[in-house]
Amino acid sequence: MSEETDPKLRDSRKKRPVRIVVEKWPDGTMAFKFGSALMSALGQRRDEATLVQLGPERIFRVETDVSESEFRLALNKKDVSYHGRIHYSELLTEEPVPAP
């Protein structure tokens, strides 16, 4: 089962807005490791994500070309543990309607 995509295909994909909700953020030094792993799995730098809500759950908005399956696979490969669930949802965007 090959879930990894060809880097050339990933480079050609369009970025889209995604909302990430982390129900329970880790404490202590694991918080920094987890945050770094999360942004890396999304293909983002820390300053490219927008923190929408700090608590009770952390909500981020990012523009990424990483699919949910790629995100979860990359996060599982990182050596971080987290408790709680992470929700990944693509946000709807309005496409301009072509003029008749």
Protein backbone atom coordinates (compact mmCIF):
# COMPACT_ATOMS: atom_id res chain seq x y z
CA MET A 1 0.00 0.00 0.00
CA SER A 2 1.74 3.14 -1.20
CA GLU A 3 0.19 6.26 0.28
CA GLU A 4 3.12 8.52 -0.48
CA THR A 5 2.67 10.74 -3.50
CA ASP A 6 5.15 11.73 -6.13
CA PRO A 7 6.78 15.06 -5.09
CA LYS A 8 6.33 16.37 -8.65
CA LEU A 9 2.58 15.79 -8.45
CA ARG A 10 2.39 17.40 -5.02
CA ASP A 11 4.24 20.49 -6.28
CA SER A 12 1.69 20.95 -9.05
CA ARG A 13 -1.34 20.76 -6.74
CA LYS A 14 -3.15 23.89 -5.73
CA LYS A 15 -3.04 25.03 -2.11
CA ARG A 16 -6.39 25.22 -0.37
CA PRO A 17 -7.56 26.46 3.03
CA VAL A 18 -7.69 23.84 5.78
CA ARG A 19 -8.83 24.00 9.39
CA ILE A 20 -7.02 21.86 11.95
CA VAL A 21 -8.65 21.37 15.36
CA VAL A 22 -6.59 19.77 18.13
CA GLU A 23 -8.91 18.79 20.98
CA LYS A 24 -6.21 18.37 23.64
CA TRP A 25 -2.88 20.12 23.18
CA PRO A 26 0.09 18.41 24.91
CA ASP A 27 1.79 20.04 27.92
CA GLY A 28 5.40 21.00 28.57
CA THR A 29 8.17 20.37 26.07
CA MET A 30 5.96 17.93 24.16
CA ALA A 31 3.85 20.94 23.16
CA PHE A 32 6.78 22.38 21.18
CA LYS A 33 7.63 19.02 19.60
CA PHE A 34 3.99 18.39 18.72
CA GLY A 35 3.53 21.87 17.24
CA SER A 36 6.63 21.44 15.09
CA ALA A 37 5.51 17.97 13.94
CA LEU A 38 2.02 19.31 13.15
CA MET A 39 3.32 22.15 10.96
CA SER A 40 5.85 19.85 9.29
CA ALA A 41 3.10 17.33 8.46
CA LEU A 42 1.16 20.19 6.85
CA GLY A 43 4.20 21.32 4.88
CA GLN A 44 4.12 24.69 6.66
CA ARG A 45 6.48 26.90 8.63
CA ARG A 46 5.26 28.00 12.03
CA ASP A 47 4.61 31.56 10.85
CA GLU A 48 2.47 30.38 7.91
CA ALA A 49 -0.36 29.04 10.09
CA THR A 50 -2.99 31.24 11.69
CA LEU A 51 -4.00 30.38 15.25
CA VAL A 52 -7.75 31.00 15.29
CA GLN A 53 -8.52 29.82 18.82
CA LEU A 54 -6.25 29.00 21.75
CA GLY A 55 -8.62 27.14 24.04
CA PRO A 56 -10.30 24.94 25.06
CA GLU A 57 -9.12 23.34 21.81
CA ARG A 58 -6.53 24.82 19.47
CA ILE A 59 -7.75 25.71 16.01
CA PHE A 60 -5.42 26.56 13.13
CA ARG A 61 -6.12 27.77 9.62
CA VAL A 62 -3.50 27.03 6.96
CA GLU A 63 -3.17 27.05 3.19
CA THR A 64 -1.75 23.66 2.18
CA ASP A 65 -1.61 21.22 -0.68
CA VAL A 66 -1.28 18.25 1.71
CA SER A 67 -4.27 15.90 1.72
CA GLU A 68 -5.75 14.55 4.94
CA SER A 69 -4.29 11.09 4.36
CA GLU A 70 -0.83 12.55 3.67
CA PHE A 71 -1.14 14.73 6.79
CA ARG A 72 -2.07 11.80 9.03
CA LEU A 73 0.63 9.57 7.55
CA ALA A 74 3.31 12.25 8.04
CA LEU A 75 2.15 12.99 11.61
CA ASN A 76 2.24 9.29 12.50
CA LYS A 77 5.84 9.07 11.23
CA LYS A 78 6.94 11.83 13.64
CA ASP A 79 8.14 10.70 17.05
CA VAL A 80 5.51 12.58 19.06
CA SER A 81 2.62 11.34 21.10
CA TYR A 82 -0.58 13.23 21.57
CA HIS A 83 -3.79 12.56 23.41
CA GLY A 84 -7.13 13.48 21.96
CA ARG A 85 -8.25 13.84 18.41
CA ILE A 86 -7.12 16.00 15.54
CA HIS A 87 -9.76 17.10 13.05
CA TYR A 88 -8.70 18.01 9.51
CA SER A 89 -11.27 19.77 7.36
CA GLU A 90 -10.99 21.53 4.06
CA LEU A 91 -12.73 24.90 3.99
CA LEU A 92 -15.02 25.84 1.15
CA THR A 93 -13.85 28.56 -1.18
CA GLU A 94 -15.88 30.61 -3.55
CA GLU A 95 -14.95 30.18 -7.18
CA PRO A 96 -15.80 33.07 -9.49
CA VAL A 97 -18.71 32.35 -11.78
CA PRO A 98 -17.73 32.78 -15.44
CA ALA A 99 -19.53 35.55 -17.24
CA PRO A 100 -22.06 34.33 -19.86
